[in-house]
Amino acid sequence: MNEQHRIRKETVTLQELPYDPARMVREALPVVLAMTLFLTSAGYIAYRMMSSYNYNQRWKDYDDCGVG
C-alpha cells in the first residue's frame, strides 16, 4: 500500500490531506443550492395545485346557480 494513504494515529494537517476541503465546498455548494431550489419550487407547485383543487372542489356545487 502507498505510504501516503496509510492510516496514522497522529493529527493530520490540511496540507497533508489528499484533497482540498475548500475546493470540495466550492464544487458542492452550487449543486446543493440548485437541488434546494428545485425541491422548493416543486413543493410550492404541488402545494398550489392541491390548494386550487381543494378550492374548486369546495365551490363546484355553486357553479350552476350563478354565484361567483
N, C-alpha and C. Protein backbone atom coordinates (compact mmCIF):
# COMPACT_ATOMS: atom_id res chain seq x y z
N MET A 1 0.84 -1.18 0.00
CA MET A 1 0.00 0.00 0.00
C MET A 1 0.89 1.24 0.00
N ASN A 2 0.42 2.27 -0.60
CA ASN A 2 1.16 3.52 -0.69
C ASN A 2 1.35 4.10 0.71
N GLU A 3 2.51 4.61 0.98
CA GLU A 3 2.84 5.15 2.30
C GLU A 3 1.99 6.37 2.65
N GLN A 4 1.59 7.16 1.67
CA GLN A 4 0.84 8.39 1.94
C GLN A 4 -0.58 8.10 2.41
N HIS A 5 -1.13 6.98 2.04
CA HIS A 5 -2.53 6.71 2.33
C HIS A 5 -2.73 5.77 3.53
N ARG A 6 -1.71 5.49 4.24
CA ARG A 6 -1.85 4.68 5.44
C ARG A 6 -2.51 5.48 6.55
N ILE A 7 -3.31 4.82 7.33
CA ILE A 7 -3.99 5.50 8.44
C ILE A 7 -2.99 5.71 9.56
N ARG A 8 -2.91 6.95 10.00
CA ARG A 8 -1.99 7.29 11.08
C ARG A 8 -2.79 7.76 12.28
N LYS A 9 -2.24 7.59 13.43
CA LYS A 9 -2.95 7.98 14.66
C LYS A 9 -2.67 9.42 15.04
N GLU A 10 -1.62 10.03 14.52
CA GLU A 10 -1.35 11.42 14.88
C GLU A 10 -2.22 12.36 14.06
N THR A 11 -2.28 13.60 14.45
CA THR A 11 -3.11 14.60 13.81
C THR A 11 -2.59 14.91 12.40
N VAL A 12 -3.53 15.05 11.47
CA VAL A 12 -3.18 15.36 10.09
C VAL A 12 -3.50 16.83 9.84
N THR A 13 -2.56 17.55 9.26
CA THR A 13 -2.79 18.95 8.93
C THR A 13 -3.47 19.05 7.57
N LEU A 14 -4.01 20.24 7.27
CA LEU A 14 -4.69 20.44 6.00
C LEU A 14 -3.75 20.27 4.81
N GLN A 15 -2.47 20.61 4.99
CA GLN A 15 -1.52 20.47 3.89
C GLN A 15 -1.27 19.00 3.55
N GLU A 16 -1.49 18.10 4.48
CA GLU A 16 -1.21 16.69 4.26
C GLU A 16 -2.40 15.92 3.70
N LEU A 17 -3.58 16.54 3.64
CA LEU A 17 -4.76 15.84 3.14
C LEU A 17 -4.64 15.59 1.64
N PRO A 18 -5.15 14.47 1.16
CA PRO A 18 -5.09 14.19 -0.28
C PRO A 18 -6.12 14.98 -1.08
N TYR A 19 -6.95 15.76 -0.44
CA TYR A 19 -7.96 16.58 -1.11
C TYR A 19 -8.00 17.95 -0.45
N ASP A 20 -8.62 18.88 -1.12
CA ASP A 20 -8.73 20.24 -0.61
C ASP A 20 -10.16 20.47 -0.12
N PRO A 21 -10.37 20.63 1.19
CA PRO A 21 -11.74 20.83 1.69
C PRO A 21 -12.42 22.06 1.12
N ALA A 22 -11.69 23.14 0.92
CA ALA A 22 -12.28 24.36 0.36
C ALA A 22 -12.75 24.12 -1.07
N ARG A 23 -11.99 23.35 -1.83
CA ARG A 23 -12.39 23.04 -3.20
C ARG A 23 -13.64 22.17 -3.22
N MET A 24 -13.72 21.24 -2.29
CA MET A 24 -14.91 20.39 -2.22
C MET A 24 -16.15 21.22 -1.92
N VAL A 25 -16.04 22.20 -1.03
CA VAL A 25 -17.18 23.07 -0.71
C VAL A 25 -17.54 23.92 -1.92
N ARG A 26 -16.54 24.47 -2.61
CA ARG A 26 -16.81 25.29 -3.79
C ARG A 26 -17.50 24.49 -4.89
N GLU A 27 -17.18 23.22 -5.01
CA GLU A 27 -17.80 22.40 -6.04
C GLU A 27 -19.17 21.89 -5.62
N ALA A 28 -19.37 21.63 -4.34
CA ALA A 28 -20.62 21.05 -3.87
C ALA A 28 -21.70 22.11 -3.61
N LEU A 29 -21.31 23.31 -3.26
CA LEU A 29 -22.28 24.34 -2.89
C LEU A 29 -23.27 24.66 -4.01
N PRO A 30 -22.83 24.88 -5.25
CA PRO A 30 -23.82 25.14 -6.31
C PRO A 30 -24.79 23.98 -6.53
N VAL A 31 -24.32 22.77 -6.39
CA VAL A 31 -25.18 21.60 -6.58
C VAL A 31 -26.23 21.55 -5.48
N VAL A 32 -25.79 21.78 -4.25
CA VAL A 32 -26.72 21.76 -3.11
C VAL A 32 -27.75 22.88 -3.25
N LEU A 33 -27.31 24.07 -3.64
CA LEU A 33 -28.25 25.18 -3.82
C LEU A 33 -29.23 24.91 -4.95
N ALA A 34 -28.77 24.33 -6.04
CA ALA A 34 -29.67 24.02 -7.16
C ALA A 34 -30.70 22.97 -6.76
N MET A 35 -30.26 21.96 -6.02
CA MET A 35 -31.20 20.93 -5.57
C MET A 35 -32.23 21.52 -4.60
N THR A 36 -31.77 22.40 -3.71
CA THR A 36 -32.69 23.04 -2.77
C THR A 36 -33.71 23.89 -3.52
N LEU A 37 -33.26 24.66 -4.49
CA LEU A 37 -34.17 25.49 -5.28
C LEU A 37 -35.17 24.63 -6.03
N PHE A 38 -34.71 23.54 -6.63
CA PHE A 38 -35.60 22.66 -7.38
C PHE A 38 -36.65 22.03 -6.47
N LEU A 39 -36.23 21.51 -5.32
CA LEU A 39 -37.17 20.85 -4.42
C LEU A 39 -38.16 21.85 -3.83
N THR A 40 -37.70 23.05 -3.52
CA THR A 40 -38.60 24.08 -3.00
C THR A 40 -39.62 24.48 -4.06
N SER A 41 -39.17 24.65 -5.29
CA SER A 41 -40.09 25.00 -6.37
C SER A 41 -41.11 23.90 -6.63
N ALA A 42 -40.65 22.66 -6.65
CA ALA A 42 -41.57 21.54 -6.87
C ALA A 42 -42.58 21.43 -5.74
N GLY A 43 -42.15 21.64 -4.52
CA GLY A 43 -43.07 21.62 -3.39
C GLY A 43 -44.10 22.72 -3.46
N TYR A 44 -43.67 23.92 -3.86
CA TYR A 44 -44.59 25.04 -3.99
C TYR A 44 -45.62 24.78 -5.08
N ILE A 45 -45.17 24.24 -6.21
CA ILE A 45 -46.10 23.93 -7.31
C ILE A 45 -47.10 22.87 -6.87
N ALA A 46 -46.65 21.85 -6.17
CA ALA A 46 -47.56 20.81 -5.68
C ALA A 46 -48.56 21.38 -4.68
N TYR A 47 -48.09 22.26 -3.79
CA TYR A 47 -48.98 22.89 -2.82
C TYR A 47 -50.04 23.72 -3.52
N ARG A 48 -49.63 24.52 -4.51
CA ARG A 48 -50.60 25.35 -5.22
C ARG A 48 -51.61 24.50 -5.99
N MET A 49 -51.17 23.40 -6.57
CA MET A 49 -52.10 22.53 -7.29
C MET A 49 -53.12 21.91 -6.34
N MET A 50 -52.66 21.44 -5.19
CA MET A 50 -53.59 20.85 -4.22
C MET A 50 -54.54 21.91 -3.66
N SER A 51 -54.02 23.10 -3.40
CA SER A 51 -54.86 24.17 -2.88
C SER A 51 -55.94 24.56 -3.89
N SER A 52 -55.56 24.68 -5.15
CA SER A 52 -56.52 25.02 -6.19
C SER A 52 -57.56 23.92 -6.37
N TYR A 53 -57.12 22.68 -6.33
CA TYR A 53 -58.04 21.55 -6.46
C TYR A 53 -59.06 21.55 -5.31
N ASN A 54 -58.58 21.73 -4.09
CA ASN A 54 -59.49 21.75 -2.94
C ASN A 54 -60.47 22.92 -3.00
N TYR A 55 -60.00 24.08 -3.46
CA TYR A 55 -60.88 25.24 -3.58
C TYR A 55 -61.97 24.96 -4.62
N ASN A 56 -61.57 24.40 -5.75
CA ASN A 56 -62.56 24.11 -6.80
C ASN A 56 -63.54 23.03 -6.36
N GLN A 57 -63.10 22.04 -5.60
CA GLN A 57 -64.00 21.00 -5.09
C GLN A 57 -65.00 21.60 -4.11
N ARG A 58 -64.56 22.55 -3.31
CA ARG A 58 -65.45 23.15 -2.32
C ARG A 58 -66.57 23.94 -2.99
N TRP A 59 -66.27 24.65 -4.07
CA TRP A 59 -67.24 25.55 -4.68
C TRP A 59 -67.88 25.00 -5.96
N LYS A 60 -67.63 23.74 -6.33
CA LYS A 60 -68.16 23.21 -7.58
C LYS A 60 -69.69 23.10 -7.57
N ASP A 61 -70.31 22.95 -6.40
CA ASP A 61 -71.77 22.84 -6.33
C ASP A 61 -72.45 24.15 -6.67
N TYR A 62 -71.73 25.25 -6.56
CA TYR A 62 -72.34 26.57 -6.80
C TYR A 62 -72.10 27.08 -8.22
N ASP A 63 -71.47 26.28 -9.08
CA ASP A 63 -71.20 26.74 -10.44
C ASP A 63 -72.47 26.94 -11.24
N ASP A 64 -73.49 26.12 -11.02
CA ASP A 64 -74.72 26.19 -11.81
C ASP A 64 -75.70 27.23 -11.30
N CYS A 65 -75.54 27.74 -10.10
CA CYS A 65 -76.54 28.66 -9.54
C CYS A 65 -76.24 30.12 -9.88
N GLY A 66 -75.12 30.41 -10.51
CA GLY A 66 -74.85 31.78 -10.92
C GLY A 66 -74.09 32.58 -9.89
N VAL A 67 -73.76 32.01 -8.75
CA VAL A 67 -72.99 32.72 -7.74
C VAL A 67 -71.51 32.61 -8.11
N GLY A 68 -70.81 33.71 -8.08
CA GLY A 68 -69.37 33.66 -8.33
C GLY A 68 -69.01 34.13 -9.61
